[in-house]
Protein backbone atom coordinates (compact mmCIF):
# COMPACT_ATOMS: atom_id res chain seq x y z
CA MET A 1 -20.33 3.41 -11.27
CA ARG A 2 -20.18 6.81 -9.94
CA TYR A 3 -20.95 7.89 -6.11
CA ASN A 4 -22.38 11.09 -4.76
CA VAL A 5 -19.43 11.46 -2.08
CA ASP A 6 -20.12 14.54 0.53
CA LEU A 7 -17.14 16.48 0.11
CA GLU A 8 -18.07 18.64 3.27
CA ALA A 9 -18.72 15.51 5.42
CA LEU A 10 -15.07 14.44 4.56
CA ALA A 11 -13.51 17.88 4.87
CA SER A 12 -15.20 17.95 8.45
CA ILE A 13 -12.94 15.04 9.25
CA VAL A 14 -9.52 15.91 7.59
CA GLY A 15 -10.41 19.74 6.55
CA ALA A 16 -11.27 21.11 3.50
CA SER A 17 -7.62 21.79 1.86
CA ASN A 18 -7.03 17.49 2.42
CA VAL A 19 -10.24 17.12 0.52
CA SER A 20 -10.25 17.16 -3.44
CA ALA A 21 -12.24 16.21 -6.72
CA ARG A 22 -10.56 18.43 -8.89
CA PRO A 23 -9.99 16.59 -12.11
CA VAL A 24 -6.32 16.85 -11.82
CA ASP A 25 -6.07 15.26 -8.73
CA LEU A 26 -8.49 12.45 -9.73
CA GLU A 27 -6.60 11.96 -12.98
CA ALA A 28 -3.23 11.59 -10.75
CA HIS A 29 -5.07 8.86 -8.92
CA SER A 30 -6.43 7.02 -11.92
CA ILE A 31 -3.19 5.01 -12.78
CA ASP A 32 -0.13 3.11 -11.29
CA GLU A 33 2.81 1.83 -12.95
CA SER A 34 1.06 -0.86 -14.42
CA CYS A 35 -0.71 -1.21 -17.75
CA VAL A 36 -4.22 -1.39 -16.46
CA GLU A 37 -6.69 1.17 -17.84
CA PRO A 38 -7.02 4.17 -15.84
CA SER A 39 -10.36 4.59 -13.86
CA LEU A 40 -11.24 7.67 -12.03
CA PRO A 41 -12.03 7.87 -8.21
CA ASP A 42 -14.80 10.29 -6.95
CA ALA A 43 -12.90 12.09 -4.56
CA ILE A 44 -9.13 11.99 -2.86
CA VAL A 45 -8.67 12.35 0.94
CA TRP A 46 -5.57 12.89 2.68
CA PRO A 47 -5.93 11.89 6.23
CA ALA A 48 -3.40 12.34 8.99
CA ASN A 49 -3.74 9.91 11.49
CA THR A 50 -5.57 6.57 12.37
CA GLN A 51 -8.60 8.98 13.88
CA GLU A 52 -9.13 10.24 10.51
CA ILE A 53 -9.25 7.29 8.98
CA ALA A 54 -11.51 5.41 11.07
CA ALA A 55 -13.79 8.22 10.52
CA ILE A 56 -13.85 8.05 6.85
CA LEU A 57 -14.11 4.55 6.91
CA ARG A 58 -17.49 5.11 8.89
CA TYR A 59 -18.75 7.51 6.74
CA ALA A 60 -18.18 5.01 3.86
CA TYR A 61 -19.55 2.08 5.27
CA GLU A 62 -22.49 3.70 6.45
CA ASN A 63 -23.21 5.20 2.71
CA GLU A 64 -21.54 2.02 1.09
CA ILE A 65 -18.96 3.89 -0.92
CA PRO A 66 -15.61 2.03 -1.98
CA VAL A 67 -12.45 3.35 -0.31
CA VAL A 68 -9.09 2.61 -1.85
CA PRO A 69 -5.80 2.72 -0.07
CA TRP A 70 -3.09 4.72 -1.99
CA SER A 71 0.68 4.80 -0.82
CA GLY A 72 3.31 5.43 -3.58
CA GLY A 73 1.63 4.69 -6.79
CA SER A 74 4.39 2.48 -7.85
CA SER A 75 3.01 -0.97 -8.14
CA LEU A 76 2.64 -3.04 -11.62
CA GLU A 77 -0.51 -4.69 -11.30
CA GLY A 78 -3.20 -1.81 -10.85
CA ASN A 79 -3.60 -3.02 -7.06
CA PRO A 80 -4.58 0.70 -6.10
CA VAL A 81 -6.70 1.88 -9.11
CA PRO A 82 -10.11 2.40 -8.28
CA VAL A 83 -12.42 -0.06 -10.27
CA CYS A 84 -15.61 1.60 -9.65
CA GLY A 85 -14.83 5.06 -8.19
CA GLY A 86 -15.43 5.94 -4.43
CA ILE A 87 -12.67 7.50 -2.24
CA ILE A 88 -8.82 7.27 -2.58
CA LEU A 89 -7.42 7.11 0.87
CA ALA A 90 -4.15 8.52 0.02
CA MET A 91 -1.35 8.14 2.29
CA TYR A 92 0.84 10.69 1.66
CA ARG A 93 0.97 12.38 5.14
CA LEU A 94 1.35 9.61 7.04
CA LYS A 95 5.20 9.47 6.71
CA GLU A 96 6.22 9.51 10.61
CA ILE A 97 8.71 7.10 12.28
CA ILE A 98 6.86 6.88 15.39
CA ASN A 99 9.35 4.86 17.51
CA VAL A 100 12.65 3.36 17.14
CA ASN A 101 13.22 0.47 19.85
CA GLU A 102 16.97 -0.13 19.18
CA ASP A 103 17.24 -2.47 22.65
CA ASP A 104 14.38 -4.99 20.52
CA LEU A 105 15.45 -3.96 17.22
CA GLN A 106 11.99 -2.69 16.39
CA VAL A 107 10.68 0.54 14.39
CA THR A 108 7.17 2.02 14.38
CA VAL A 109 6.22 3.73 11.48
CA GLN A 110 3.12 5.30 9.56
CA PRO A 111 2.35 3.75 6.07
CA GLY A 112 3.45 6.47 3.83
CA ILE A 113 7.08 6.64 4.75
CA VAL A 114 9.35 5.76 1.68
CA TYR A 115 11.49 2.59 2.24
CA ASP A 116 14.73 4.49 1.23
CA ALA A 117 14.05 7.31 3.92
CA LEU A 118 13.41 4.90 6.58
CA ASN A 119 16.46 2.88 5.95
CA ALA A 120 18.56 6.35 5.67
CA HIS A 121 17.27 7.13 9.09
CA LEU A 122 17.77 3.72 10.76
CA ARG A 123 21.63 3.45 9.21
CA ARG A 124 23.07 6.23 11.58
CA LEU A 125 21.61 3.60 14.39
CA GLY A 126 23.51 0.60 12.46
CA LEU A 127 20.29 -0.88 11.76
CA PHE A 128 18.14 -1.48 8.52
CA PHE A 129 15.01 -3.11 7.06
CA PRO A 130 16.18 -5.52 4.62
CA PRO A 131 13.37 -6.59 1.81
CA ALA A 132 14.98 -4.09 -0.91
CA PRO A 133 12.05 -3.50 -3.40
CA GLY A 134 13.16 -2.16 -6.85
CA SER A 135 11.48 0.73 -6.52
CA SER A 136 12.98 1.42 -2.99
CA ASP A 137 13.26 4.98 -3.51
CA VAL A 138 9.34 5.37 -4.01
CA ALA A 139 7.91 2.17 -2.29
CA THR A 140 6.34 3.01 0.78
CA ILE A 141 6.25 0.59 4.11
CA GLY A 142 2.52 0.84 3.69
CA GLY A 143 2.52 -0.37 0.16
CA MET A 144 5.19 -3.30 0.94
CA VAL A 145 2.93 -4.50 3.79
CA ALA A 146 -0.43 -4.49 1.51
CA ASN A 147 1.71 -6.69 -1.53
CA ASN A 148 4.05 -8.61 0.85
CA ALA A 149 6.80 -6.90 -1.47
CA SER A 150 10.62 -7.97 -1.21
CA GLY A 151 12.99 -7.28 -3.66
CA MET A 152 16.86 -8.23 -4.35
CA ARG A 153 17.85 -9.24 -0.38
CA ALA A 154 14.65 -11.93 -0.04
CA VAL A 155 16.93 -14.56 -0.80
CA LYS A 156 18.68 -13.94 2.12
CA TYR A 157 16.54 -12.03 4.52
CA GLY A 158 13.28 -13.12 3.44
CA VAL A 159 9.99 -10.96 2.57
CA THR A 160 8.11 -8.33 4.14
CA ARG A 161 6.23 -10.49 6.22
CA ASP A 162 8.92 -11.97 7.93
CA TYR A 163 9.58 -8.68 9.55
CA VAL A 164 5.94 -7.54 10.75
CA GLN A 165 5.81 -7.35 14.27
CA SER A 166 2.29 -5.36 14.90
CA LEU A 167 -0.28 -3.42 12.89
CA VAL A 168 -2.92 -1.24 13.71
CA VAL A 169 -5.58 -1.53 11.21
CA VAL A 170 -8.79 0.29 10.40
CA LEU A 171 -11.48 -2.05 9.31
CA ALA A 172 -14.21 -1.53 7.02
CA ASP A 173 -16.87 -0.40 9.80
CA GLY A 174 -14.21 2.21 10.96
CA SER A 175 -13.37 -0.07 14.29
CA VAL A 176 -9.68 -0.01 14.90
CA VAL A 177 -7.88 -3.13 16.15
CA ARG A 178 -3.80 -4.02 16.88
CA LEU A 179 -3.02 -7.18 15.19
CA GLY A 180 0.30 -9.11 16.47
CA SER A 181 2.74 -8.04 19.65
CA ASP A 182 6.20 -7.21 20.27
CA ALA A 183 7.27 -10.54 21.33
CA LYS A 184 9.83 -12.32 18.68
CA LYS A 185 7.43 -15.57 18.54
CA THR A 186 3.64 -16.33 19.53
CA THR A 187 1.43 -19.34 19.45
CA SER A 188 -1.43 -17.20 20.66
CA GLY A 189 -4.62 -17.73 18.51
CA TYR A 190 -4.89 -17.15 14.82
CA ASP A 191 -2.19 -15.10 13.19
CA LEU A 192 -4.74 -12.56 11.98
CA LYS A 193 -1.16 -10.04 11.62
CA SER A 194 -0.17 -11.73 8.67
CA LEU A 195 -3.40 -12.43 7.06
CA PHE A 196 -3.38 -8.68 6.53
CA VAL A 197 -0.01 -8.71 5.25
CA GLY A 198 -0.42 -9.58 1.24
CA SER A 199 -4.29 -8.68 1.52
CA GLU A 200 -3.84 -5.52 -0.58
CA GLY A 201 -6.15 -3.38 1.52
CA THR A 202 -9.22 -5.63 0.83
CA LEU A 203 -9.49 -6.24 4.57
CA GLY A 204 -8.52 -3.23 6.42
CA VAL A 205 -6.25 -0.36 6.06
CA THR A 206 -2.96 -0.12 8.07
CA THR A 207 -2.35 2.82 9.70
CA GLU A 208 0.84 1.82 11.86
CA ILE A 209 3.43 -0.56 11.69
CA THR A 210 5.92 -2.27 13.80
CA LEU A 211 8.80 -3.92 11.93
CA ARG A 212 11.60 -6.23 13.10
CA LEU A 213 15.23 -4.66 12.43
CA VAL A 214 18.55 -6.36 11.24
CA GLY A 215 22.01 -4.96 12.26
CA MET A 216 24.23 -3.71 9.13
CA PRO A 217 26.44 -6.04 8.30
CA GLU A 218 30.14 -5.86 9.21
CA ALA A 219 31.23 -6.19 5.49
CA VAL A 220 29.56 -6.10 2.00
CA GLY A 221 30.90 -7.41 -1.10
CA VAL A 222 29.61 -7.43 -4.71
CA VAL A 223 30.27 -9.56 -7.87
CA VAL A 224 29.20 -8.82 -11.13
CA ALA A 225 29.88 -11.77 -13.55
CA SER A 226 28.98 -12.12 -17.22
CA PHE A 227 28.78 -15.07 -19.51
CA ASP A 228 28.70 -16.01 -22.84
CA GLU A 229 25.89 -18.38 -22.80
CA LEU A 230 22.67 -17.50 -20.52
CA GLU A 231 22.92 -21.53 -19.55
CA GLY A 232 26.33 -20.56 -17.63
CA ALA A 233 24.67 -17.80 -15.79
CA THR A 234 21.85 -19.38 -14.68
CA GLY A 235 23.69 -22.60 -13.74
CA SER A 236 25.63 -20.60 -11.62
CA VAL A 237 22.67 -19.17 -9.79
CA HIS A 238 21.76 -23.13 -9.20
CA GLU A 239 24.94 -24.17 -8.03
CA THR A 240 25.53 -21.35 -5.44
CA ILE A 241 22.13 -22.01 -3.57
CA ARG A 242 22.48 -25.75 -4.13
CA TYR A 243 26.04 -25.75 -2.50
CA GLY A 244 24.96 -23.55 0.39
CA LEU A 245 26.46 -20.32 -0.26
CA ASN A 246 24.91 -17.40 1.52
CA PRO A 247 24.24 -14.67 -0.65
CA SER A 248 22.34 -11.62 0.62
CA ALA A 249 21.26 -11.16 -3.25
CA ILE A 250 21.57 -12.50 -6.09
CA GLU A 251 20.33 -11.14 -9.78
CA ILE A 252 20.12 -11.87 -13.27
CA LEU A 253 19.62 -9.71 -16.28
CA ASP A 254 19.78 -11.20 -19.86
CA ALA A 255 21.58 -9.60 -22.21
CA GLU A 256 18.79 -6.82 -23.99
CA THR A 257 18.31 -5.67 -20.84
CA VAL A 258 22.00 -5.06 -19.81
CA ARG A 259 22.12 -3.02 -23.18
CA VAL A 260 19.61 -1.12 -22.64
CA THR A 261 20.91 -0.50 -19.19
CA ASN A 262 24.05 0.64 -20.70
CA GLU A 263 22.54 3.30 -22.93
CA GLN A 264 20.67 4.80 -20.24
CA GLN A 265 22.87 4.80 -17.47
CA GLY A 266 25.84 5.37 -19.19
CA LEU A 267 27.42 2.24 -18.02
CA ARG A 268 30.28 -0.02 -19.65
CA LEU A 269 29.02 -3.48 -19.00
CA ALA A 270 29.25 -6.30 -21.43
CA ILE A 271 26.10 -7.22 -23.45
CA ARG A 272 26.18 -10.70 -22.03
CA PRO A 273 23.91 -12.45 -19.47
CA THR A 274 24.69 -10.96 -16.02
CA LEU A 275 24.90 -12.01 -12.81
CA PHE A 276 24.86 -9.25 -9.61
CA VAL A 277 25.50 -11.11 -6.27
CA GLU A 278 26.08 -9.65 -2.96
CA PHE A 279 27.13 -10.77 0.39
CA HIS A 280 26.85 -9.68 3.83
CA GLY A 281 29.21 -11.06 6.68
CA THR A 282 32.49 -10.05 8.28
CA GLU A 283 35.47 -9.21 6.00
CA ALA A 284 36.90 -12.65 5.81
CA SER A 285 33.33 -14.24 5.43
CA VAL A 286 32.63 -12.12 2.47
CA GLU A 287 36.05 -12.62 1.01
CA GLU A 288 35.67 -16.34 1.64
CA GLN A 289 32.25 -16.41 -0.17
CA ILE A 290 33.11 -14.61 -2.88
CA GLY A 291 36.33 -16.86 -3.61
CA TYR A 292 33.67 -20.04 -4.01
CA LEU A 293 31.51 -18.16 -6.10
CA ARG A 294 34.48 -17.41 -8.35
CA GLU A 295 34.85 -21.15 -8.66
CA ILE A 296 31.32 -21.78 -9.50
CA CYS A 297 31.22 -19.37 -12.01
CA GLU A 298 34.61 -20.24 -13.50
CA ASP A 299 33.41 -23.56 -13.74
CA ASN A 300 30.18 -22.47 -15.42
CA GLY A 301 32.29 -20.49 -18.12
CA CYS A 302 31.89 -16.76 -17.20
CA ALA A 303 33.46 -14.50 -19.32
CA SER A 304 34.33 -11.74 -16.67
CA PHE A 305 34.46 -11.61 -12.86
CA ASP A 306 34.61 -8.33 -11.16
CA GLN A 307 34.30 -7.94 -7.38
CA SER A 308 34.28 -4.85 -4.94
CA LEU A 309 34.00 -4.26 -0.97
CA SER A 310 34.23 -0.13 -1.24
CA GLU A 311 30.83 1.22 -1.29
CA GLU A 312 31.29 3.66 -4.11
CA GLU A 313 32.39 1.03 -6.56
CA ARG A 314 29.72 -1.64 -5.29
CA GLU A 315 26.69 1.28 -6.01
CA GLU A 316 28.45 1.80 -9.69
CA LEU A 317 28.16 -2.35 -9.77
CA TRP A 318 24.50 -2.69 -8.78
CA LYS A 319 23.40 0.08 -10.87
CA ALA A 320 22.67 -1.76 -13.70
CA ARG A 321 20.47 -3.92 -11.87
CA LYS A 322 18.68 -1.10 -9.84
CA GLU A 323 17.77 0.66 -12.74
CA ALA A 324 17.04 -1.89 -15.40
CA HIS A 325 12.92 -0.99 -14.87
CA ASP A 326 13.42 2.58 -15.59
CA SER A 327 16.29 1.73 -18.31
CA ILE A 328 13.69 -0.37 -20.57
CA LYS A 329 10.61 2.11 -19.76
CA PHE A 330 13.21 5.01 -21.08
CA SER A 331 14.22 3.30 -23.89
CA ASN A 332 10.99 2.34 -25.36
CA PRO A 333 9.14 5.82 -25.15
CA GLY A 334 5.23 6.01 -25.94
CA LYS A 335 5.23 2.48 -25.48
CA VAL A 336 3.62 0.21 -22.27
CA MET A 337 5.38 -2.12 -20.58
CA VAL A 338 3.42 -5.37 -19.77
CA SER A 339 4.91 -6.42 -16.71
CA GLY A 340 5.35 -10.28 -15.41
CA ASP A 341 6.12 -11.40 -11.90
CA VAL A 342 5.89 -15.15 -11.90
CA CYS A 343 8.31 -17.05 -9.30
CA VAL A 344 9.08 -20.78 -9.88
CA PRO A 345 11.21 -23.41 -8.11
CA ILE A 346 15.09 -22.95 -8.43
CA SER A 347 15.29 -25.96 -10.52
CA GLN A 348 12.99 -24.66 -13.04
CA PHE A 349 14.39 -20.65 -12.80
CA GLY A 350 16.95 -21.35 -15.66
CA ALA A 351 14.44 -23.01 -18.25
CA MET A 352 12.44 -19.93 -17.92
CA PHE A 353 14.67 -17.71 -19.90
CA PRO A 354 14.92 -19.82 -23.11
CA PHE A 355 11.06 -20.31 -22.80
CA VAL A 356 10.76 -16.43 -22.79
CA HIS A 357 12.92 -15.50 -25.31
CA ASP A 358 11.54 -17.92 -27.65
CA LEU A 359 8.04 -16.83 -27.18
CA ALA A 360 9.30 -13.04 -27.73
CA ARG A 361 10.55 -14.84 -31.36
CA ARG A 362 7.42 -16.49 -32.32
CA LEU A 363 5.20 -13.56 -31.37
CA ASN A 364 7.36 -11.07 -32.64
CA LEU A 365 7.87 -9.05 -29.55
CA LYS A 366 10.06 -7.39 -27.36
CA ILE A 367 10.64 -8.73 -24.11
CA TYR A 368 13.20 -8.16 -21.50
CA ALA A 369 13.69 -10.81 -18.85
CA PHE A 370 15.33 -10.03 -15.46
CA GLY A 371 15.24 -11.27 -11.59
CA HIS A 372 15.81 -12.55 -8.35
CA ALA A 373 17.50 -15.34 -9.66
CA GLY A 374 18.19 -16.63 -5.42
CA ASP A 375 14.67 -17.27 -5.03
CA GLY A 376 13.33 -18.15 -8.65
CA ASN A 377 11.58 -14.53 -9.09
CA MET A 378 11.57 -13.65 -12.96
CA HIS A 379 10.40 -10.23 -14.04
CA THR A 380 9.38 -9.68 -17.72
CA GLU A 381 8.55 -6.45 -19.45
CA THR A 382 6.63 -7.00 -22.74
CA ILE A 383 6.59 -3.96 -24.71
CA ALA A 384 3.88 -2.79 -26.91
CA ASP A 385 2.19 -0.15 -28.52
CA ARG A 386 -1.45 0.43 -26.80
CA ALA A 387 -2.46 2.02 -30.11
CA ASP A 388 -1.50 -1.06 -32.22
CA ALA A 389 -4.70 -3.46 -31.02
CA ASP A 390 -2.82 -6.31 -32.31
CA GLU A 391 0.75 -5.84 -30.66
CA PHE A 392 -1.10 -5.04 -27.47
CA ALA A 393 -3.13 -8.23 -27.81
CA ARG A 394 0.12 -10.34 -28.34
CA ALA A 395 1.98 -8.64 -25.46
CA HIS A 396 -1.05 -9.89 -23.14
CA GLN A 397 -1.01 -13.08 -24.87
CA ALA A 398 2.78 -13.49 -23.71
CA THR A 399 2.06 -12.40 -20.24
CA ASP A 400 -0.49 -15.17 -20.37
CA ALA A 401 1.87 -17.70 -21.28
CA ILE A 402 4.37 -16.88 -19.10
CA VAL A 403 2.19 -17.04 -16.02
CA ARG A 404 0.67 -20.29 -17.48
CA HIS A 405 4.12 -22.11 -17.85
CA ALA A 406 5.25 -20.62 -14.38
CA LEU A 407 1.94 -22.67 -12.99
CA GLU A 408 2.56 -26.03 -14.78
CA VAL A 409 6.38 -26.14 -13.27
CA GLY A 410 5.01 -25.44 -9.74
CA GLY A 411 5.34 -21.62 -9.48
CA THR A 412 3.36 -18.87 -8.74
CA VAL A 413 1.61 -15.85 -10.75
CA ALA A 414 2.96 -13.22 -8.33
CA GLY A 415 6.35 -13.58 -6.25
CA GLU A 416 6.16 -10.03 -4.82
CA HIS A 417 3.76 -7.51 -6.79
CA GLY A 418 0.43 -9.08 -5.73
CA ILE A 419 -2.75 -9.77 -8.05
CA GLY A 420 -4.19 -6.40 -8.29
CA ARG A 421 -6.45 -5.97 -11.11
CA ALA A 422 -3.93 -7.54 -13.94
CA LYS A 423 -3.70 -11.01 -12.42
CA ARG A 424 -7.23 -11.55 -10.93
CA GLN A 425 -8.00 -13.97 -13.82
CA TYR A 426 -5.35 -16.69 -12.49
CA LEU A 427 -6.17 -16.39 -9.12
CA GLU A 428 -8.40 -20.00 -9.29
CA VAL A 429 -6.44 -21.54 -11.68
CA GLU A 430 -3.47 -21.53 -9.38
CA HIS A 431 -5.53 -22.10 -5.66
CA GLY A 432 -8.52 -23.80 -7.09
CA PRO A 433 -11.42 -24.52 -4.58
CA SER A 434 -9.61 -22.62 -1.86
CA VAL A 435 -10.57 -19.12 -3.27
CA ALA A 436 -13.91 -19.92 -1.67
CA LEU A 437 -11.95 -19.60 1.45
CA MET A 438 -10.39 -16.43 0.55
CA ARG A 439 -13.87 -14.64 -0.68
CA ARG A 440 -15.28 -15.82 2.69
CA ILE A 441 -12.52 -14.00 4.87
CA LYS A 442 -13.22 -10.82 2.57
CA GLN A 443 -16.91 -10.93 3.70
CA ILE A 444 -16.23 -11.35 7.42
CA PHE A 445 -13.97 -8.31 7.47
CA ASP A 446 -15.39 -6.46 4.62
CA PRO A 447 -19.32 -7.34 4.41
CA ARG A 448 -20.31 -4.31 2.56
CA GLY A 449 -17.47 -4.83 -0.19
CA ILE A 450 -15.98 -1.29 0.16
CA LEU A 451 -12.55 -1.84 0.88
CA ASN A 452 -10.41 -1.90 -2.59
CA PRO A 453 -13.25 -3.57 -4.53
CA GLY A 454 -12.50 -5.18 -7.67
CA LYS A 455 -8.86 -6.41 -6.60
CA ILE A 456 -7.63 -9.98 -6.08
CA PHE A 457 -10.98 -11.53 -7.09
CA ASP A 458 -11.91 -11.74 -10.43
CA ASP A 459 -15.86 -10.43 -9.78
């Protein structure tokens, strides 16, 4: 469906240079990093502040035109891709740090600021925002809030929701509300602030975000341990968590992911299942935990165990994990990657790898498996040629099988990427009758259904 968007009305709000219906701009906002089909909006608007966003939403509400917030476009589930045209609300201009409150360990930002840029500024103050998404160089804070994103440090520090103190949100009708407070805890009324975190822009548009911060650790240690057998790597993960070690990150790459990362990044890692583990603390506590980890890994048959406390060496050791997604992408030019993001109980995590590898053999597909081992979050990248209808169908068949298997063992369909367009069909499979409650909440906040329609729910 196409909408007759009044470009002059929008230009009167944000200025003519910040409104576009040029084909090149529409196409740039018709697809994200997922493999969902491109879908064109009718117009792009680049607002500069809360007041402009409120005015845009009032116009859209009155005319019943869909509005889709767009931050970095790095999502993997089609979260910001417009389903039925309408207005893309591009947040690129809203990238300011509004205030840093060092006394209360808080920062207030606009949604368009990139995660790495924020932490680069905070590092000078000895502070940081921990979640560490894999796409940290492009992921925006607004997008992280919309999807309740996390990443490599979630095992120690938690997810985005754990750090959101308050939000300024524009509702569907253009009204503006502030949710949450600067207090560290509260039992005052319903927790509406947390409801908006992870809502994927379907309940309102966030324009200001106040985050809780953490002090930089005195010391950081990194370990890269490789194993001849995958069971040794996953067994080490389970014992690390079970026996009370406190890693800030514990990641795993299967051997094929290590291979392509070596090729693309010029690394020389052994092509084996590999763990990447990071510890934060005092130098003594980091050394102590690395010692315990060495014992665990050796008991599980590790083939190599490398550690470092220096920043330069740490970055080199972490490079393979940080660049895994892009390395897979560049190693398969012209192909699409059907991404997976399931999360399972820790006790089931190790068994997911042989399940995925067996599935790849049975369906004659290339599937890379890696992820945030410490909290059971597995990422898969299934490679397919979109022009080959049979292969593309098998890739989706594989992703479906992985999702349904994760649900069977007590997991969830989405650990950190959200539902978007790509996983709408699984929401009711996981949540059953409670989806009806979610729909009623959506109706309360967005009675005309203009906010990011076609996402989360399989309508």
